[in-house]
Amino acid sequence: MTGQAQANGVEATVHPGGMLSRLTLTESALRRPDLAEVILRVIDQATAEANHRIRHLLEEVDPALLNLSSPKTTEDTTPTTWRTQ
């Protein structure tokens, strides 16, 4: 069960909970000055889709038990050691 989203030459496939499965970038996307923002936005959209699909499939199960609560943004799940200082 995955979610997919694409925008501006960036395509992401994400499992429920936000685990990235696949990220594809076109050559033109690599030239975008806002590439990081586009990637994060696409991952957020794909995560929301994957979480929605799994919730629909598991209607009777509390999503919190499966750790499927959607973070507000992808950055909420990014370790502080990966962030620029």
N, C-alpha and C. Protein backbone atom coordinates (compact mmCIF):
# COMPACT_ATOMS: atom_id res chain seq x y z
N MET A 1 0.85 -1.17 0.00
CA MET A 1 0.00 0.00 0.00
C MET A 1 0.90 1.23 0.00
N THR A 2 0.79 2.04 -1.04
CA THR A 2 1.61 3.24 -1.14
C THR A 2 0.76 4.41 -1.61
N GLY A 3 1.34 5.59 -1.50
CA GLY A 3 0.75 6.79 -2.06
C GLY A 3 1.75 7.41 -3.02
N GLN A 4 1.26 8.06 -4.04
CA GLN A 4 2.15 8.69 -5.02
C GLN A 4 1.70 10.12 -5.26
N ALA A 5 2.68 10.96 -5.55
CA ALA A 5 2.39 12.35 -5.91
C ALA A 5 3.50 12.83 -6.83
N GLN A 6 3.18 13.83 -7.65
CA GLN A 6 4.19 14.39 -8.54
C GLN A 6 3.89 15.86 -8.78
N ALA A 7 4.96 16.61 -8.98
CA ALA A 7 4.84 18.04 -9.30
C ALA A 7 6.20 18.54 -9.76
N ASN A 8 6.19 19.39 -10.77
CA ASN A 8 7.40 20.08 -11.22
C ASN A 8 8.61 19.16 -11.43
N GLY A 9 8.38 17.99 -12.00
CA GLY A 9 9.47 17.08 -12.30
C GLY A 9 9.94 16.21 -11.15
N VAL A 10 9.18 16.22 -10.06
CA VAL A 10 9.50 15.40 -8.89
C VAL A 10 8.35 14.42 -8.69
N GLU A 11 8.69 13.14 -8.53
CA GLU A 11 7.69 12.11 -8.27
C GLU A 11 8.12 11.29 -7.08
N ALA A 12 7.21 11.07 -6.14
CA ALA A 12 7.54 10.30 -4.93
C ALA A 12 6.52 9.20 -4.72
N THR A 13 7.01 8.07 -4.24
CA THR A 13 6.17 6.97 -3.79
C THR A 13 6.50 6.75 -2.32
N VAL A 14 5.46 6.73 -1.49
CA VAL A 14 5.65 6.70 -0.04
C VAL A 14 4.74 5.63 0.56
N HIS A 15 5.25 4.93 1.57
CA HIS A 15 4.45 3.96 2.33
C HIS A 15 3.71 4.70 3.44
N PRO A 16 2.65 4.11 3.98
CA PRO A 16 1.95 4.75 5.09
C PRO A 16 2.93 5.09 6.22
N GLY A 17 2.71 6.23 6.83
CA GLY A 17 3.59 6.68 7.90
C GLY A 17 4.71 7.57 7.39
N GLY A 18 4.93 7.62 6.09
CA GLY A 18 5.90 8.53 5.51
C GLY A 18 7.22 7.94 5.06
N MET A 19 7.35 6.61 5.08
CA MET A 19 8.61 6.01 4.63
C MET A 19 8.72 6.10 3.10
N LEU A 20 9.74 6.80 2.64
CA LEU A 20 9.94 7.01 1.21
C LEU A 20 10.37 5.71 0.55
N SER A 21 9.67 5.35 -0.52
CA SER A 21 9.98 4.14 -1.25
C SER A 21 10.73 4.45 -2.55
N ARG A 22 10.35 5.57 -3.17
CA ARG A 22 10.96 5.92 -4.46
C ARG A 22 10.87 7.43 -4.67
N LEU A 23 11.94 8.00 -5.18
CA LEU A 23 11.96 9.41 -5.52
C LEU A 23 12.60 9.54 -6.90
N THR A 24 11.88 10.18 -7.82
CA THR A 24 12.36 10.37 -9.19
C THR A 24 12.39 11.86 -9.50
N LEU A 25 13.52 12.31 -10.06
CA LEU A 25 13.69 13.71 -10.43
C LEU A 25 14.04 13.80 -11.90
N THR A 26 13.43 14.74 -12.60
CA THR A 26 13.79 14.98 -13.99
C THR A 26 14.99 15.94 -14.02
N GLU A 27 15.61 16.04 -15.17
CA GLU A 27 16.74 16.97 -15.32
C GLU A 27 16.32 18.40 -15.04
N SER A 28 15.15 18.77 -15.52
CA SER A 28 14.69 20.15 -15.29
C SER A 28 14.42 20.41 -13.80
N ALA A 29 13.98 19.38 -13.08
CA ALA A 29 13.75 19.55 -11.65
C ALA A 29 15.05 19.84 -10.92
N LEU A 30 16.14 19.25 -11.38
CA LEU A 30 17.44 19.45 -10.73
C LEU A 30 17.92 20.90 -10.83
N ARG A 31 17.38 21.64 -11.77
CA ARG A 31 17.77 23.04 -11.95
C ARG A 31 16.90 24.01 -11.15
N ARG A 32 15.88 23.52 -10.51
CA ARG A 32 14.96 24.39 -9.77
C ARG A 32 15.62 24.92 -8.50
N PRO A 33 15.55 26.21 -8.25
CA PRO A 33 16.12 26.76 -7.01
C PRO A 33 15.33 26.32 -5.78
N ASP A 34 14.07 25.93 -5.96
CA ASP A 34 13.23 25.51 -4.84
C ASP A 34 13.06 23.99 -4.79
N LEU A 35 14.05 23.26 -5.30
CA LEU A 35 13.93 21.80 -5.41
C LEU A 35 13.62 21.14 -4.07
N ALA A 36 14.31 21.53 -3.01
CA ALA A 36 14.08 20.91 -1.70
C ALA A 36 12.63 21.10 -1.26
N GLU A 37 12.10 22.29 -1.45
CA GLU A 37 10.71 22.56 -1.07
C GLU A 37 9.74 21.72 -1.89
N VAL A 38 10.02 21.58 -3.18
CA VAL A 38 9.15 20.78 -4.04
C VAL A 38 9.19 19.32 -3.59
N ILE A 39 10.38 18.81 -3.31
CA ILE A 39 10.51 17.42 -2.86
C ILE A 39 9.70 17.20 -1.59
N LEU A 40 9.86 18.08 -0.61
CA LEU A 40 9.14 17.92 0.66
C LEU A 40 7.62 18.01 0.45
N ARG A 41 7.17 18.91 -0.40
CA ARG A 41 5.74 19.06 -0.66
C ARG A 41 5.18 17.79 -1.33
N VAL A 42 5.91 17.25 -2.29
CA VAL A 42 5.46 16.04 -2.99
C VAL A 42 5.43 14.85 -2.02
N ILE A 43 6.44 14.75 -1.18
CA ILE A 43 6.46 13.66 -0.19
C ILE A 43 5.30 13.81 0.79
N ASP A 44 5.01 15.03 1.22
CA ASP A 44 3.85 15.26 2.11
C ASP A 44 2.56 14.81 1.45
N GLN A 45 2.38 15.15 0.17
CA GLN A 45 1.17 14.76 -0.55
C GLN A 45 1.06 13.25 -0.69
N ALA A 46 2.17 12.60 -1.02
CA ALA A 46 2.17 11.15 -1.19
C ALA A 46 1.91 10.45 0.15
N THR A 47 2.47 11.00 1.23
CA THR A 47 2.25 10.43 2.56
C THR A 47 0.79 10.53 2.95
N ALA A 48 0.18 11.68 2.69
CA ALA A 48 -1.24 11.86 3.00
C ALA A 48 -2.08 10.85 2.24
N GLU A 49 -1.75 10.62 0.97
CA GLU A 49 -2.49 9.65 0.16
C GLU A 49 -2.32 8.24 0.71
N ALA A 50 -1.09 7.86 1.02
CA ALA A 50 -0.83 6.51 1.55
C ALA A 50 -1.55 6.30 2.88
N ASN A 51 -1.51 7.30 3.75
CA ASN A 51 -2.19 7.19 5.04
C ASN A 51 -3.71 7.11 4.86
N HIS A 52 -4.24 7.89 3.92
CA HIS A 52 -5.67 7.85 3.65
C HIS A 52 -6.08 6.45 3.15
N ARG A 53 -5.30 5.89 2.26
CA ARG A 53 -5.62 4.56 1.72
C ARG A 53 -5.61 3.50 2.81
N ILE A 54 -4.60 3.53 3.67
CA ILE A 54 -4.51 2.49 4.71
C ILE A 54 -5.61 2.69 5.74
N ARG A 55 -5.96 3.93 6.05
CA ARG A 55 -7.06 4.17 6.99
C ARG A 55 -8.37 3.65 6.43
N HIS A 56 -8.58 3.87 5.15
CA HIS A 56 -9.79 3.36 4.51
C HIS A 56 -9.82 1.83 4.56
N LEU A 57 -8.70 1.21 4.33
CA LEU A 57 -8.60 -0.24 4.35
C LEU A 57 -8.82 -0.80 5.76
N LEU A 58 -8.33 -0.08 6.74
CA LEU A 58 -8.39 -0.55 8.12
C LEU A 58 -9.35 0.31 8.96
N GLU A 59 -10.53 0.57 8.45
CA GLU A 59 -11.48 1.47 9.11
C GLU A 59 -11.69 1.16 10.58
N GLU A 60 -11.71 -0.07 10.94
CA GLU A 60 -12.04 -0.46 12.30
C GLU A 60 -10.85 -0.33 13.26
N VAL A 61 -9.64 -0.15 12.73
CA VAL A 61 -8.43 -0.11 13.56
C VAL A 61 -8.06 1.35 13.81
N ASP A 62 -7.71 1.67 15.05
CA ASP A 62 -7.28 3.02 15.42
C ASP A 62 -5.92 3.29 14.76
N PRO A 63 -5.81 4.33 13.90
CA PRO A 63 -4.55 4.63 13.21
C PRO A 63 -3.39 4.88 14.17
N ALA A 64 -3.68 5.37 15.37
CA ALA A 64 -2.61 5.61 16.34
C ALA A 64 -1.93 4.30 16.75
N LEU A 65 -2.68 3.21 16.77
CA LEU A 65 -2.09 1.91 17.10
C LEU A 65 -1.08 1.47 16.05
N LEU A 66 -1.26 1.94 14.83
CA LEU A 66 -0.36 1.58 13.73
C LEU A 66 0.67 2.67 13.46
N ASN A 67 0.69 3.70 14.29
CA ASN A 67 1.61 4.83 14.13
C ASN A 67 1.43 5.49 12.76
N LEU A 68 0.18 5.73 12.38
CA LEU A 68 -0.10 6.32 11.07
C LEU A 68 -0.60 7.75 11.16
N SER A 69 -0.42 8.38 12.29
CA SER A 69 -0.85 9.77 12.36
C SER A 69 0.04 10.60 11.44
N SER A 70 -0.57 11.45 10.64
CA SER A 70 0.18 12.24 9.67
C SER A 70 0.92 13.37 10.36
N PRO A 71 2.22 13.51 10.10
CA PRO A 71 2.92 14.68 10.62
C PRO A 71 2.41 15.93 9.91
N LYS A 72 2.55 17.08 10.56
CA LYS A 72 2.11 18.32 9.93
C LYS A 72 2.89 18.57 8.65
N THR A 73 4.19 18.30 8.67
CA THR A 73 5.03 18.44 7.48
C THR A 73 6.08 17.35 7.49
N THR A 74 6.73 17.16 6.37
CA THR A 74 7.81 16.18 6.29
C THR A 74 8.94 16.57 7.23
N GLU A 75 9.15 17.85 7.40
CA GLU A 75 10.24 18.30 8.29
C GLU A 75 10.02 17.85 9.72
N ASP A 76 8.77 17.61 10.11
CA ASP A 76 8.50 17.13 11.46
C ASP A 76 9.10 15.75 11.70
N THR A 77 9.35 15.00 10.62
CA THR A 77 9.92 13.66 10.76
C THR A 77 11.42 13.62 10.44
N THR A 78 11.99 14.77 10.09
CA THR A 78 13.39 14.83 9.72
C THR A 78 14.26 14.96 10.97
N PRO A 79 15.22 14.06 11.16
CA PRO A 79 16.09 14.16 12.34
C PRO A 79 16.84 15.50 12.34
N THR A 80 17.07 16.04 13.51
CA THR A 80 17.74 17.34 13.62
C THR A 80 19.16 17.27 13.06
N THR A 81 19.79 16.10 13.10
CA THR A 81 21.15 15.98 12.58
C THR A 81 21.20 16.10 11.06
N TRP A 82 20.06 15.96 10.39
CA TRP A 82 20.03 16.09 8.93
C TRP A 82 19.76 17.51 8.50
N ARG A 83 19.38 18.35 9.40
CA ARG A 83 18.99 19.71 9.06
C ARG A 83 20.20 20.61 8.94
N THR A 84 20.08 21.61 8.08
CA THR A 84 21.16 22.58 7.95
C THR A 84 21.15 23.50 9.15
N GLN A 85 22.31 23.89 9.54
CA GLN A 85 22.44 24.75 10.74
C GLN A 85 22.64 26.18 10.33
